[in-house]
Amino acid sequence: MNSLPVTRNNLDSQFEAIWRALEGYRENCIPEGQEPQYDEEWNDICTAMAWICEELNNAGCTIDDQY
């Protein structure tokens, strides 16, 4: 994956860095399909990120591309 360098004025790079960290959390700490509460937690995380994007008028958000 070619990562964008995280910069102050580039929301795309900031959200990409956050999603990379969340992907690692998903893979290593709350794997899909192992426990119902893991999937519920992941849904909550994705919902929270969607709400953040909505508040930012979707600036820099690529949630639909990610998940």
PDB file of N, CA and C in Angstrom:
ATOM      1  N   MET A   1       0.842  -1.174   0.000  1.00  0.00           N
ATOM      2  CA  MET A   1       0.000   0.000   0.000  1.00  0.00           C
ATOM      3  C   MET A   1       0.890   1.242   0.000  1.00  0.00           C
ATOM      4  N   ASN A   2       0.656   2.147  -0.916  1.00  0.00           N
ATOM      5  CA  ASN A   2       1.358   3.414  -0.926  1.00  0.00           C
ATOM      6  C   ASN A   2       0.628   4.372  -0.014  1.00  0.00           C
ATOM      7  N   SER A   3       1.234   4.664   1.102  1.00  0.00           N
ATOM      8  CA  SER A   3       0.615   5.537   2.076  1.00  0.00           C
ATOM      9  C   SER A   3       0.928   6.986   1.766  1.00  0.00           C
ATOM     10  N   LEU A   4      -0.067   7.804   1.998  1.00  0.00           N
ATOM     11  CA  LEU A   4       0.161   9.236   1.897  1.00  0.00           C
ATOM     12  C   LEU A   4       0.931   9.687   3.126  1.00  0.00           C
ATOM     13  N   PRO A   5       1.876  10.611   2.970  1.00  0.00           N
ATOM     14  CA  PRO A   5       2.504  11.158   4.171  1.00  0.00           C
ATOM     15  C   PRO A   5       1.460  11.983   4.926  1.00  0.00           C
ATOM     16  N   VAL A   6       1.422  11.812   6.227  1.00  0.00           N
ATOM     17  CA  VAL A   6       0.443  12.542   7.033  1.00  0.00           C
ATOM     18  C   VAL A   6       0.885  13.997   7.141  1.00  0.00           C
ATOM     19  N   THR A   7       0.009  14.876   6.697  1.00  0.00           N
ATOM     20  CA  THR A   7       0.291  16.307   6.773  1.00  0.00           C
ATOM     21  C   THR A   7      -0.891  17.033   7.386  1.00  0.00           C
ATOM     22  N   ARG A   8      -0.610  18.183   7.937  1.00  0.00           N
ATOM     23  CA  ARG A   8      -1.607  18.960   8.666  1.00  0.00           C
ATOM     24  C   ARG A   8      -2.826  19.313   7.813  1.00  0.00           C
ATOM     25  N   ASN A   9      -2.619  19.690   6.593  1.00  0.00           N
ATOM     26  CA  ASN A   9      -3.719  20.196   5.772  1.00  0.00           C
ATOM     27  C   ASN A   9      -4.261  19.183   4.781  1.00  0.00           C
ATOM     28  N   ASN A  10      -3.987  17.910   5.000  1.00  0.00           N
ATOM     29  CA  ASN A  10      -4.448  16.883   4.066  1.00  0.00           C
ATOM     30  C   ASN A  10      -5.285  15.852   4.818  1.00  0.00           C
ATOM     31  N   LEU A  11      -6.602  16.073   4.817  1.00  0.00           N
ATOM     32  CA  LEU A  11      -7.493  15.161   5.535  1.00  0.00           C
ATOM     33  C   LEU A  11      -7.428  13.745   4.990  1.00  0.00           C
ATOM     34  N   ASP A  12      -7.196  13.599   3.697  1.00  0.00           N
ATOM     35  CA  ASP A  12      -7.077  12.249   3.137  1.00  0.00           C
ATOM     36  C   ASP A  12      -5.959  11.485   3.837  1.00  0.00           C
ATOM     37  N   SER A  13      -4.811  12.131   4.008  1.00  0.00           N
ATOM     38  CA  SER A  13      -3.681  11.457   4.646  1.00  0.00           C
ATOM     39  C   SER A  13      -3.977  11.158   6.110  1.00  0.00           C
ATOM     40  N   GLN A  14      -4.680  12.050   6.777  1.00  0.00           N
ATOM     41  CA  GLN A  14      -5.014  11.848   8.185  1.00  0.00           C
ATOM     42  C   GLN A  14      -5.979  10.682   8.362  1.00  0.00           C
ATOM     43  N   PHE A  15      -7.004  10.644   7.534  1.00  0.00           N
ATOM     44  CA  PHE A  15      -7.961   9.545   7.627  1.00  0.00           C
ATOM     45  C   PHE A  15      -7.324   8.223   7.216  1.00  0.00           C
ATOM     46  N   GLU A  16      -6.426   8.250   6.243  1.00  0.00           N
ATOM     47  CA  GLU A  16      -5.741   7.020   5.843  1.00  0.00           C
ATOM     48  C   GLU A  16      -4.933   6.459   7.011  1.00  0.00           C
ATOM     49  N   ALA A  17      -4.246   7.331   7.744  1.00  0.00           N
ATOM     50  CA  ALA A  17      -3.458   6.888   8.899  1.00  0.00           C
ATOM     51  C   ALA A  17      -4.363   6.299   9.982  1.00  0.00           C
ATOM     52  N   ILE A  18      -5.494   6.923  10.214  1.00  0.00           N
ATOM     53  CA  ILE A  18      -6.439   6.419  11.222  1.00  0.00           C
ATOM     54  C   ILE A  18      -6.986   5.069  10.800  1.00  0.00           C
ATOM     55  N   TRP A  19      -7.375   4.938   9.528  1.00  0.00           N
ATOM     56  CA  TRP A  19      -7.923   3.666   9.062  1.00  0.00           C
ATOM     57  C   TRP A  19      -6.882   2.549   9.110  1.00  0.00           C
ATOM     58  N   ARG A  20      -5.605   2.871   8.811  1.00  0.00           N
ATOM     59  CA  ARG A  20      -4.557   1.851   8.920  1.00  0.00           C
ATOM     60  C   ARG A  20      -4.453   1.340  10.352  1.00  0.00           C
ATOM     61  N   ALA A  21      -4.504   2.250  11.311  1.00  0.00           N
ATOM     62  CA  ALA A  21      -4.439   1.846  12.724  1.00  0.00           C
ATOM     63  C   ALA A  21      -5.665   1.023  13.102  1.00  0.00           C
ATOM     64  N   LEU A  22      -6.821   1.441  12.645  1.00  0.00           N
ATOM     65  CA  LEU A  22      -8.049   0.704  12.954  1.00  0.00           C
ATOM     66  C   LEU A  22      -8.044  -0.678  12.309  1.00  0.00           C
ATOM     67  N   GLU A  23      -7.512  -0.783  11.100  1.00  0.00           N
ATOM     68  CA  GLU A  23      -7.409  -2.094  10.444  1.00  0.00           C
ATOM     69  C   GLU A  23      -6.550  -3.041  11.274  1.00  0.00           C
ATOM     70  N   GLY A  24      -5.443  -2.543  11.799  1.00  0.00           N
ATOM     71  CA  GLY A  24      -4.584  -3.359  12.653  1.00  0.00           C
ATOM     72  C   GLY A  24      -5.312  -3.795  13.917  1.00  0.00           C
ATOM     73  N   TYR A  25      -6.063  -2.897  14.497  1.00  0.00           N
ATOM     74  CA  TYR A  25      -6.852  -3.224  15.678  1.00  0.00           C
ATOM     75  C   TYR A  25      -7.872  -4.306  15.342  1.00  0.00           C
ATOM     76  N   ARG A  26      -8.530  -4.146  14.215  1.00  0.00           N
ATOM     77  CA  ARG A  26      -9.529  -5.127  13.791  1.00  0.00           C
ATOM     78  C   ARG A  26      -8.889  -6.503  13.618  1.00  0.00           C
ATOM     79  N   GLU A  27      -7.775  -6.553  12.915  1.00  0.00           N
ATOM     80  CA  GLU A  27      -7.115  -7.831  12.635  1.00  0.00           C
ATOM     81  C   GLU A  27      -6.575  -8.506  13.884  1.00  0.00           C
ATOM     82  N   ASN A  28      -5.947  -7.730  14.753  1.00  0.00           N
ATOM     83  CA  ASN A  28      -5.209  -8.296  15.871  1.00  0.00           C
ATOM     84  C   ASN A  28      -5.968  -8.373  17.191  1.00  0.00           C
ATOM     85  N   CYS A  29      -6.958  -7.525  17.362  1.00  0.00           N
ATOM     86  CA  CYS A  29      -7.626  -7.447  18.668  1.00  0.00           C
ATOM     87  C   CYS A  29      -9.094  -7.865  18.635  1.00  0.00           C
ATOM     88  N   ILE A  30      -9.778  -7.562  17.545  1.00  0.00           N
ATOM     89  CA  ILE A  30     -11.205  -7.902  17.448  1.00  0.00           C
ATOM     90  C   ILE A  30     -11.489  -8.559  16.092  1.00  0.00           C
ATOM     91  N   PRO A  31     -10.925  -9.739  15.848  1.00  0.00           N
ATOM     92  CA  PRO A  31     -11.066 -10.381  14.540  1.00  0.00           C
ATOM     93  C   PRO A  31     -12.533 -10.624  14.151  1.00  0.00           C
ATOM     94  N   GLU A  32     -12.787 -10.444  12.890  1.00  0.00           N
ATOM     95  CA  GLU A  32     -14.131 -10.607  12.343  1.00  0.00           C
ATOM     96  C   GLU A  32     -14.635 -12.033  12.544  1.00  0.00           C
ATOM     97  N   GLY A  33     -15.873 -12.136  13.017  1.00  0.00           N
ATOM     98  CA  GLY A  33     -16.551 -13.416  13.101  1.00  0.00           C
ATOM     99  C   GLY A  33     -16.198 -14.290  14.286  1.00  0.00           C
ATOM    100  N   GLN A  34     -15.258 -13.887  15.127  1.00  0.00           N
ATOM    101  CA  GLN A  34     -14.884 -14.739  16.255  1.00  0.00           C
ATOM    102  C   GLN A  34     -15.821 -14.595  17.444  1.00  0.00           C
ATOM    103  N   GLU A  35     -16.187 -13.379  17.752  1.00  0.00           N
ATOM    104  CA  GLU A  35     -17.092 -13.100  18.868  1.00  0.00           C
ATOM    105  C   GLU A  35     -18.097 -12.050  18.407  1.00  0.00           C
ATOM    106  N   PRO A  36     -19.372 -12.230  18.740  1.00  0.00           N
ATOM    107  CA  PRO A  36     -20.360 -11.235  18.314  1.00  0.00           C
ATOM    108  C   PRO A  36     -20.032  -9.820  18.789  1.00  0.00           C
ATOM    109  N   GLN A  37     -19.480  -9.694  19.991  1.00  0.00           N
ATOM    110  CA  GLN A  37     -19.180  -8.352  20.499  1.00  0.00           C
ATOM    111  C   GLN A  37     -18.052  -7.685  19.704  1.00  0.00           C
ATOM    112  N   TYR A  38     -17.167  -8.483  19.090  1.00  0.00           N
ATOM    113  CA  TYR A  38     -16.116  -7.897  18.252  1.00  0.00           C
ATOM    114  C   TYR A  38     -16.723  -7.225  17.028  1.00  0.00           C
ATOM    115  N   ASP A  39     -17.673  -7.914  16.404  1.00  0.00           N
ATOM    116  CA  ASP A  39     -18.317  -7.336  15.225  1.00  0.00           C
ATOM    117  C   ASP A  39     -19.156  -6.118  15.603  1.00  0.00           C
ATOM    118  N   GLU A  40     -19.785  -6.160  16.774  1.00  0.00           N
ATOM    119  CA  GLU A  40     -20.548  -5.001  17.245  1.00  0.00           C
ATOM    120  C   GLU A  40     -19.615  -3.815  17.494  1.00  0.00           C
ATOM    121  N   GLU A  41     -18.456  -4.086  18.088  1.00  0.00           N
ATOM    122  CA  GLU A  41     -17.497  -3.015  18.332  1.00  0.00           C
ATOM    123  C   GLU A  41     -17.012  -2.410  17.021  1.00  0.00           C
ATOM    124  N   TRP A  42     -16.729  -3.272  16.039  1.00  0.00           N
ATOM    125  CA  TRP A  42     -16.281  -2.773  14.734  1.00  0.00           C
ATOM    126  C   TRP A  42     -17.365  -1.932  14.079  1.00  0.00           C
ATOM    127  N   ASN A  43     -18.613  -2.366  14.181  1.00  0.00           N
ATOM    128  CA  ASN A  43     -19.717  -1.574  13.642  1.00  0.00           C
ATOM    129  C   ASN A  43     -19.795  -0.211  14.317  1.00  0.00           C
ATOM    130  N   ASP A  44     -19.582  -0.182  15.640  1.00  0.00           N
ATOM    131  CA  ASP A  44     -19.590   1.094  16.362  1.00  0.00           C
ATOM    132  C   ASP A  44     -18.459   2.003  15.884  1.00  0.00           C
ATOM    133  N   ILE A  45     -17.285   1.426  15.676  1.00  0.00           N
ATOM    134  CA  ILE A  45     -16.144   2.209  15.186  1.00  0.00           C
ATOM    135  C   ILE A  45     -16.464   2.803  13.817  1.00  0.00           C
ATOM    136  N   CYS A  46     -16.991   1.980  12.915  1.00  0.00           N
ATOM    137  CA  CYS A  46     -17.315   2.464  11.567  1.00  0.00           C
ATOM    138  C   CYS A  46     -18.407   3.518  11.602  1.00  0.00           C
ATOM    139  N   THR A  47     -19.389   3.328  12.484  1.00  0.00           N
ATOM    140  CA  THR A  47     -20.452   4.330  12.621  1.00  0.00           C
ATOM    141  C   THR A  47     -19.880   5.644  13.132  1.00  0.00           C
ATOM    142  N   ALA A  48     -19.018   5.580  14.140  1.00  0.00           N
ATOM    143  CA  ALA A  48     -18.401   6.792  14.673  1.00  0.00           C
ATOM    144  C   ALA A  48     -17.599   7.519  13.591  1.00  0.00           C
ATOM    145  N   MET A  49     -16.846   6.767  12.803  1.00  0.00           N
ATOM    146  CA  MET A  49     -16.071   7.386  11.728  1.00  0.00           C
ATOM    147  C   MET A  49     -16.991   8.025  10.685  1.00  0.00           C
ATOM    148  N   ALA A  50     -18.091   7.379  10.392  1.00  0.00           N
ATOM    149  CA  ALA A  50     -19.045   7.950   9.436  1.00  0.00           C
ATOM    150  C   ALA A  50     -19.619   9.262   9.964  1.00  0.00           C
ATOM    151  N   TRP A  51     -19.925   9.292  11.253  1.00  0.00           N
ATOM    152  CA  TRP A  51     -20.457  10.523  11.852  1.00  0.00           C
ATOM    153  C   TRP A  51     -19.412  11.644  11.847  1.00  0.00           C
ATOM    154  N   ILE A  52     -18.159  11.290  12.099  1.00  0.00           N
ATOM    155  CA  ILE A  52     -17.088  12.285  12.038  1.00  0.00           C
ATOM    156  C   ILE A  52     -17.004  12.856  10.628  1.00  0.00           C
ATOM    157  N   CYS A  53     -17.042  11.976   9.637  1.00  0.00           N
ATOM    158  CA  CYS A  53     -16.997  12.432   8.244  1.00  0.00           C
ATOM    159  C   CYS A  53     -18.184  13.321   7.912  1.00  0.00           C
ATOM    160  N   GLU A  54     -19.340  12.944   8.415  1.00  0.00           N
ATOM    161  CA  GLU A  54     -20.538  13.743   8.180  1.00  0.00           C
ATOM    162  C   GLU A  54     -20.366  15.140   8.772  1.00  0.00           C
ATOM    163  N   GLU A  55     -19.818  15.215   9.980  1.00  0.00           N
ATOM    164  CA  GLU A  55     -19.583  16.512  10.622  1.00  0.00           C
ATOM    165  C   GLU A  55     -18.588  17.357   9.833  1.00  0.00           C
ATOM    166  N   LEU A  56     -17.661  16.700   9.174  1.00  0.00           N
ATOM    167  CA  LEU A  56     -16.661  17.401   8.372  1.00  0.00           C
ATOM    168  C   LEU A  56     -17.125  17.585   6.931  1.00  0.00           C
ATOM    169  N   ASN A  57     -18.392  17.361   6.692  1.00  0.00           N
ATOM    170  CA  ASN A  57     -18.956  17.451   5.335  1.00  0.00           C
ATOM    171  C   ASN A  57     -18.224  16.545   4.365  1.00  0.00           C
ATOM    172  N   ASN A  58     -17.820  15.361   4.865  1.00  0.00           N
ATOM    173  CA  ASN A  58     -17.154  14.322   4.084  1.00  0.00           C
ATOM    174  C   ASN A  58     -15.801  14.737   3.531  1.00  0.00           C
ATOM    175  N   ALA A  59     -15.242  15.814   4.043  1.00  0.00           N
ATOM    176  CA  ALA A  59     -13.914  16.236   3.597  1.00  0.00           C
ATOM    177  C   ALA A  59     -12.885  15.182   4.005  1.00  0.00           C
ATOM    178  N   GLY A  60     -12.180  14.640   3.036  1.00  0.00           N
ATOM    179  CA  GLY A  60     -11.119  13.699   3.316  1.00  0.00           C
ATOM    180  C   GLY A  60     -11.578  12.303   3.669  1.00  0.00           C
ATOM    181  N   CYS A  61     -12.850  12.043   3.659  1.00  0.00           N
ATOM    182  CA  CYS A  61     -13.349  10.741   4.111  1.00  0.00           C
ATOM    183  C   CYS A  61     -13.475   9.797   2.930  1.00  0.00           C
ATOM    184  N   THR A  62     -13.011   8.583   3.175  1.00  0.00           N
ATOM    185  CA  THR A  62     -13.108   7.539   2.160  1.00  0.00           C
ATOM    186  C   THR A  62     -13.620   6.261   2.787  1.00  0.00           C
ATOM    187  N   ILE A  63     -14.528   6.394   3.734  1.00  0.00           N
ATOM    188  CA  ILE A  63     -15.034   5.214   4.450  1.00  0.00           C
ATOM    189  C   ILE A  63     -15.653   4.226   3.488  1.00  0.00           C
ATOM    190  N   ASP A  64     -16.445   4.698   2.544  1.00  0.00           N
ATOM    191  CA  ASP A  64     -17.089   3.769   1.617  1.00  0.00           C
ATOM    192  C   ASP A  64     -16.054   3.002   0.813  1.00  0.00           C
ATOM    193  N   ASP A  65     -14.926   3.645   0.515  1.00  0.00           N
ATOM    194  CA  ASP A  65     -13.859   2.954  -0.212  1.00  0.00           C
ATOM    195  C   ASP A  65     -13.161   1.939   0.683  1.00  0.00           C
ATOM    196  N   GLN A  66     -13.113   2.219   1.994  1.00  0.00           N
ATOM    197  CA  GLN A  66     -12.414   1.352   2.929  1.00  0.00           C
ATOM    198  C   GLN A  66     -13.263   0.169   3.354  1.00  0.00           C
ATOM    199  N   TYR A  67     -14.526   0.426   3.713  1.00  0.00           N
ATOM    200  CA  TYR A  67     -15.361  -0.615   4.324  1.00  0.00           C
ATOM    201  C   TYR A  67     -16.748  -0.579   3.792  1.00  0.00           C
TER     202      TYR A  67
END
